[in-house]
Amino acid sequence: MKYFILYISYSPDFTQELYIKSKSMEHLLEFIGCYSNGCLATSQGNINTTQVLSMYAREINPSQIGLNKIKFATINENKSYNAMDLA
């Protein structure tokens, strides 16, 4: 399991950080791409991707920031959706 900080920009003045874990960077980017026009559900809340200007993921070592590995969110694919899925 790899650990990431996902920076989510909703406007030029507001960027949110989400600590997230995934199998790999490619796996994380695949999920973000699949739900880029809808809702990306995680174990720590939802990201309304239609309102996001940009996302940036950076791989980290959890011990670098002093967080326990259980504090990292996971993607819930069953609750995520793309707007095209609703049509």
N, C-alpha and C. Protein backbone atom coordinates (compact mmCIF):
# COMPACT_ATOMS: atom_id res chain seq x y z
N MET A 1 0.85 -1.17 0.00
CA MET A 1 0.00 0.00 0.00
C MET A 1 0.90 1.24 0.00
N LYS A 2 0.53 2.21 -0.83
CA LYS A 2 1.26 3.47 -0.93
C LYS A 2 0.41 4.57 -0.27
N TYR A 3 1.08 5.59 0.22
CA TYR A 3 0.41 6.67 0.94
C TYR A 3 0.67 8.00 0.24
N PHE A 4 -0.39 8.82 0.15
CA PHE A 4 -0.32 10.06 -0.63
C PHE A 4 -0.98 11.21 0.11
N ILE A 5 -0.56 12.41 -0.25
CA ILE A 5 -1.32 13.61 0.08
C ILE A 5 -1.96 14.04 -1.22
N LEU A 6 -3.28 14.17 -1.23
CA LEU A 6 -4.01 14.62 -2.41
C LEU A 6 -4.40 16.08 -2.18
N TYR A 7 -3.83 16.97 -2.97
CA TYR A 7 -4.15 18.39 -2.88
C TYR A 7 -5.29 18.67 -3.85
N ILE A 8 -6.39 19.20 -3.35
CA ILE A 8 -7.59 19.43 -4.15
C ILE A 8 -7.87 20.93 -4.16
N SER A 9 -7.80 21.55 -5.34
CA SER A 9 -8.04 23.00 -5.47
C SER A 9 -9.44 23.25 -5.99
N TYR A 10 -10.23 23.96 -5.19
CA TYR A 10 -11.58 24.33 -5.58
C TYR A 10 -11.64 25.74 -6.15
N SER A 11 -10.67 26.56 -5.81
CA SER A 11 -10.55 27.92 -6.34
C SER A 11 -9.08 28.31 -6.19
N PRO A 12 -8.67 29.42 -6.77
CA PRO A 12 -7.27 29.83 -6.61
C PRO A 12 -6.89 30.10 -5.15
N ASP A 13 -7.90 30.36 -4.31
CA ASP A 13 -7.64 30.70 -2.92
C ASP A 13 -7.88 29.56 -1.94
N PHE A 14 -8.40 28.42 -2.39
CA PHE A 14 -8.76 27.35 -1.47
C PHE A 14 -8.29 25.99 -1.97
N THR A 15 -7.36 25.39 -1.23
CA THR A 15 -6.86 24.05 -1.54
C THR A 15 -7.00 23.20 -0.30
N GLN A 16 -7.58 22.02 -0.47
CA GLN A 16 -7.79 21.08 0.62
C GLN A 16 -6.76 19.95 0.49
N GLU A 17 -6.31 19.45 1.62
CA GLU A 17 -5.40 18.30 1.63
C GLU A 17 -6.17 17.08 2.14
N LEU A 18 -5.99 15.97 1.47
CA LEU A 18 -6.60 14.71 1.90
C LEU A 18 -5.50 13.66 1.93
N TYR A 19 -5.35 13.03 3.07
CA TYR A 19 -4.39 11.94 3.20
C TYR A 19 -5.09 10.66 2.75
N ILE A 20 -4.52 10.00 1.76
CA ILE A 20 -5.20 8.88 1.13
C ILE A 20 -4.20 7.75 0.83
N LYS A 21 -4.69 6.53 0.85
CA LYS A 21 -3.83 5.39 0.50
C LYS A 21 -4.43 4.65 -0.68
N SER A 22 -3.52 4.05 -1.47
CA SER A 22 -3.92 3.34 -2.67
C SER A 22 -2.84 2.32 -3.01
N LYS A 23 -3.15 1.43 -3.93
CA LYS A 23 -2.17 0.40 -4.35
C LYS A 23 -0.95 1.03 -4.99
N SER A 24 -1.17 2.07 -5.79
CA SER A 24 -0.08 2.74 -6.49
C SER A 24 -0.57 4.11 -6.97
N MET A 25 0.34 4.92 -7.45
CA MET A 25 -0.03 6.22 -8.01
C MET A 25 -0.93 6.02 -9.22
N GLU A 26 -0.61 5.04 -10.06
CA GLU A 26 -1.41 4.77 -11.25
C GLU A 26 -2.84 4.37 -10.86
N HIS A 27 -2.97 3.57 -9.84
CA HIS A 27 -4.29 3.13 -9.36
C HIS A 27 -5.10 4.32 -8.85
N LEU A 28 -4.47 5.20 -8.10
CA LEU A 28 -5.14 6.40 -7.58
C LEU A 28 -5.58 7.30 -8.73
N LEU A 29 -4.69 7.54 -9.69
CA LEU A 29 -5.04 8.41 -10.82
C LEU A 29 -6.13 7.80 -11.69
N GLU A 30 -6.16 6.48 -11.79
CA GLU A 30 -7.22 5.81 -12.55
C GLU A 30 -8.59 6.08 -11.92
N PHE A 31 -8.69 5.97 -10.61
CA PHE A 31 -9.95 6.24 -9.93
C PHE A 31 -10.36 7.70 -10.06
N ILE A 32 -9.40 8.60 -9.92
CA ILE A 32 -9.71 10.02 -10.07
C ILE A 32 -10.22 10.28 -11.48
N GLY A 33 -9.59 9.68 -12.48
CA GLY A 33 -10.03 9.86 -13.86
C GLY A 33 -11.41 9.29 -14.13
N CYS A 34 -11.71 8.15 -13.53
CA CYS A 34 -13.02 7.52 -13.74
C CYS A 34 -14.17 8.37 -13.21
N TYR A 35 -13.91 9.10 -12.14
CA TYR A 35 -14.97 9.88 -11.49
C TYR A 35 -14.68 11.37 -11.55
N SER A 36 -14.04 11.81 -12.62
CA SER A 36 -13.64 13.21 -12.74
C SER A 36 -14.81 14.15 -13.01
N ASN A 37 -15.96 13.62 -13.33
CA ASN A 37 -17.15 14.45 -13.60
C ASN A 37 -18.29 13.96 -12.73
N GLY A 38 -18.09 13.94 -11.42
CA GLY A 38 -19.13 13.45 -10.53
C GLY A 38 -18.72 13.53 -9.09
N CYS A 39 -18.63 12.37 -8.43
CA CYS A 39 -18.33 12.32 -7.00
C CYS A 39 -17.35 11.18 -6.73
N LEU A 40 -16.26 11.51 -6.07
CA LEU A 40 -15.28 10.52 -5.64
C LEU A 40 -15.48 10.33 -4.14
N ALA A 41 -16.02 9.18 -3.75
CA ALA A 41 -16.31 8.90 -2.34
C ALA A 41 -15.09 8.28 -1.67
N THR A 42 -14.77 8.76 -0.47
CA THR A 42 -13.69 8.19 0.32
C THR A 42 -14.22 7.84 1.70
N SER A 43 -13.41 7.15 2.46
CA SER A 43 -13.79 6.78 3.82
C SER A 43 -13.84 7.99 4.76
N GLN A 44 -13.36 9.15 4.29
CA GLN A 44 -13.38 10.36 5.10
C GLN A 44 -14.19 11.48 4.46
N GLY A 45 -15.11 11.14 3.59
CA GLY A 45 -15.96 12.15 2.96
C GLY A 45 -15.92 12.05 1.45
N ASN A 46 -16.72 12.89 0.81
CA ASN A 46 -16.84 12.87 -0.64
C ASN A 46 -16.16 14.08 -1.26
N ILE A 47 -15.68 13.91 -2.47
CA ILE A 47 -15.10 15.01 -3.25
C ILE A 47 -16.00 15.22 -4.46
N ASN A 48 -16.62 16.39 -4.54
CA ASN A 48 -17.45 16.72 -5.70
C ASN A 48 -16.50 17.16 -6.81
N THR A 49 -16.16 16.24 -7.67
CA THR A 49 -15.12 16.49 -8.67
C THR A 49 -15.55 17.47 -9.75
N THR A 50 -16.85 17.73 -9.89
CA THR A 50 -17.29 18.71 -10.88
C THR A 50 -16.91 20.13 -10.46
N GLN A 51 -16.63 20.34 -9.17
CA GLN A 51 -16.27 21.66 -8.66
C GLN A 51 -14.76 21.85 -8.48
N VAL A 52 -14.00 20.81 -8.78
CA VAL A 52 -12.55 20.85 -8.56
C VAL A 52 -11.85 21.46 -9.77
N LEU A 53 -10.96 22.41 -9.51
CA LEU A 53 -10.15 22.99 -10.58
C LEU A 53 -8.96 22.09 -10.92
N SER A 54 -8.31 21.56 -9.89
CA SER A 54 -7.17 20.68 -10.12
C SER A 54 -6.93 19.80 -8.91
N MET A 55 -6.24 18.68 -9.16
CA MET A 55 -5.82 17.77 -8.09
C MET A 55 -4.36 17.41 -8.34
N TYR A 56 -3.64 17.28 -7.26
CA TYR A 56 -2.23 16.91 -7.33
C TYR A 56 -1.97 15.88 -6.23
N ALA A 57 -1.38 14.76 -6.58
CA ALA A 57 -1.07 13.72 -5.60
C ALA A 57 0.44 13.64 -5.43
N ARG A 58 0.85 13.50 -4.17
CA ARG A 58 2.27 13.37 -3.84
C ARG A 58 2.45 12.18 -2.92
N GLU A 59 3.32 11.25 -3.30
CA GLU A 59 3.57 10.09 -2.46
C GLU A 59 4.41 10.49 -1.25
N ILE A 60 4.04 9.95 -0.09
CA ILE A 60 4.75 10.27 1.14
C ILE A 60 4.99 9.01 1.95
N ASN A 61 5.84 9.14 2.94
CA ASN A 61 6.04 8.12 3.95
C ASN A 61 5.26 8.60 5.18
N PRO A 62 4.29 7.84 5.69
CA PRO A 62 3.47 8.32 6.81
C PRO A 62 4.27 8.77 8.02
N SER A 63 5.43 8.19 8.23
CA SER A 63 6.23 8.59 9.39
C SER A 63 6.83 10.00 9.22
N GLN A 64 6.90 10.51 7.98
CA GLN A 64 7.42 11.85 7.73
C GLN A 64 6.53 12.92 8.35
N ILE A 65 5.24 12.66 8.40
CA ILE A 65 4.31 13.68 8.89
C ILE A 65 3.70 13.30 10.23
N GLY A 66 4.11 12.19 10.79
CA GLY A 66 3.65 11.81 12.12
C GLY A 66 2.21 11.35 12.20
N LEU A 67 1.69 10.80 11.12
CA LEU A 67 0.31 10.30 11.13
C LEU A 67 0.31 8.78 11.18
N ASN A 68 -0.63 8.24 11.90
CA ASN A 68 -0.84 6.80 11.93
C ASN A 68 -1.45 6.38 10.60
N LYS A 69 -1.11 5.20 10.13
CA LYS A 69 -1.60 4.73 8.83
C LYS A 69 -3.12 4.61 8.78
N ILE A 70 -3.79 4.45 9.91
CA ILE A 70 -5.25 4.33 9.91
C ILE A 70 -5.94 5.67 9.67
N LYS A 71 -5.20 6.77 9.70
CA LYS A 71 -5.76 8.11 9.45
C LYS A 71 -5.90 8.40 7.96
N PHE A 72 -5.39 7.52 7.10
CA PHE A 72 -5.44 7.74 5.66
C PHE A 72 -6.75 7.20 5.09
N ALA A 73 -7.38 8.00 4.24
CA ALA A 73 -8.65 7.62 3.61
C ALA A 73 -8.41 6.58 2.51
N THR A 74 -9.46 5.86 2.20
CA THR A 74 -9.45 4.95 1.05
C THR A 74 -10.61 5.33 0.14
N ILE A 75 -10.48 5.03 -1.14
CA ILE A 75 -11.55 5.33 -2.10
C ILE A 75 -12.62 4.25 -2.00
N ASN A 76 -13.86 4.69 -1.94
CA ASN A 76 -15.00 3.77 -1.91
C ASN A 76 -15.63 3.79 -3.30
N GLU A 77 -15.25 2.81 -4.11
CA GLU A 77 -15.72 2.78 -5.50
C GLU A 77 -17.22 2.54 -5.59
N ASN A 78 -17.80 1.83 -4.64
CA ASN A 78 -19.24 1.53 -4.67
C ASN A 78 -20.10 2.78 -4.50
N LYS A 79 -19.57 3.81 -3.82
CA LYS A 79 -20.33 5.03 -3.61
C LYS A 79 -19.92 6.16 -4.54
N SER A 80 -18.87 5.96 -5.32
CA SER A 80 -18.42 6.96 -6.27
C SER A 80 -19.22 6.85 -7.56
N TYR A 81 -19.37 7.98 -8.26
CA TYR A 81 -20.10 7.94 -9.52
C TYR A 81 -19.62 9.06 -10.43
N ASN A 82 -19.87 8.86 -11.70
CA ASN A 82 -19.62 9.84 -12.74
C ASN A 82 -20.97 10.35 -13.20
N ALA A 83 -21.07 11.59 -13.60
CA ALA A 83 -22.35 12.15 -14.06
C ALA A 83 -22.93 11.37 -15.21
N MET A 84 -22.09 10.79 -16.05
CA MET A 84 -22.59 9.99 -17.18
C MET A 84 -23.29 8.72 -16.70
N ASP A 85 -22.93 8.22 -15.50
CA ASP A 85 -23.58 7.03 -14.94
C ASP A 85 -25.04 7.32 -14.57
N LEU A 86 -25.36 8.58 -14.34
CA LEU A 86 -26.71 8.96 -13.91
C LEU A 86 -27.65 9.20 -15.09
N ALA A 87 -27.08 9.35 -16.27
CA ALA A 87 -27.91 9.68 -17.45
C ALA A 87 -28.61 8.46 -17.99
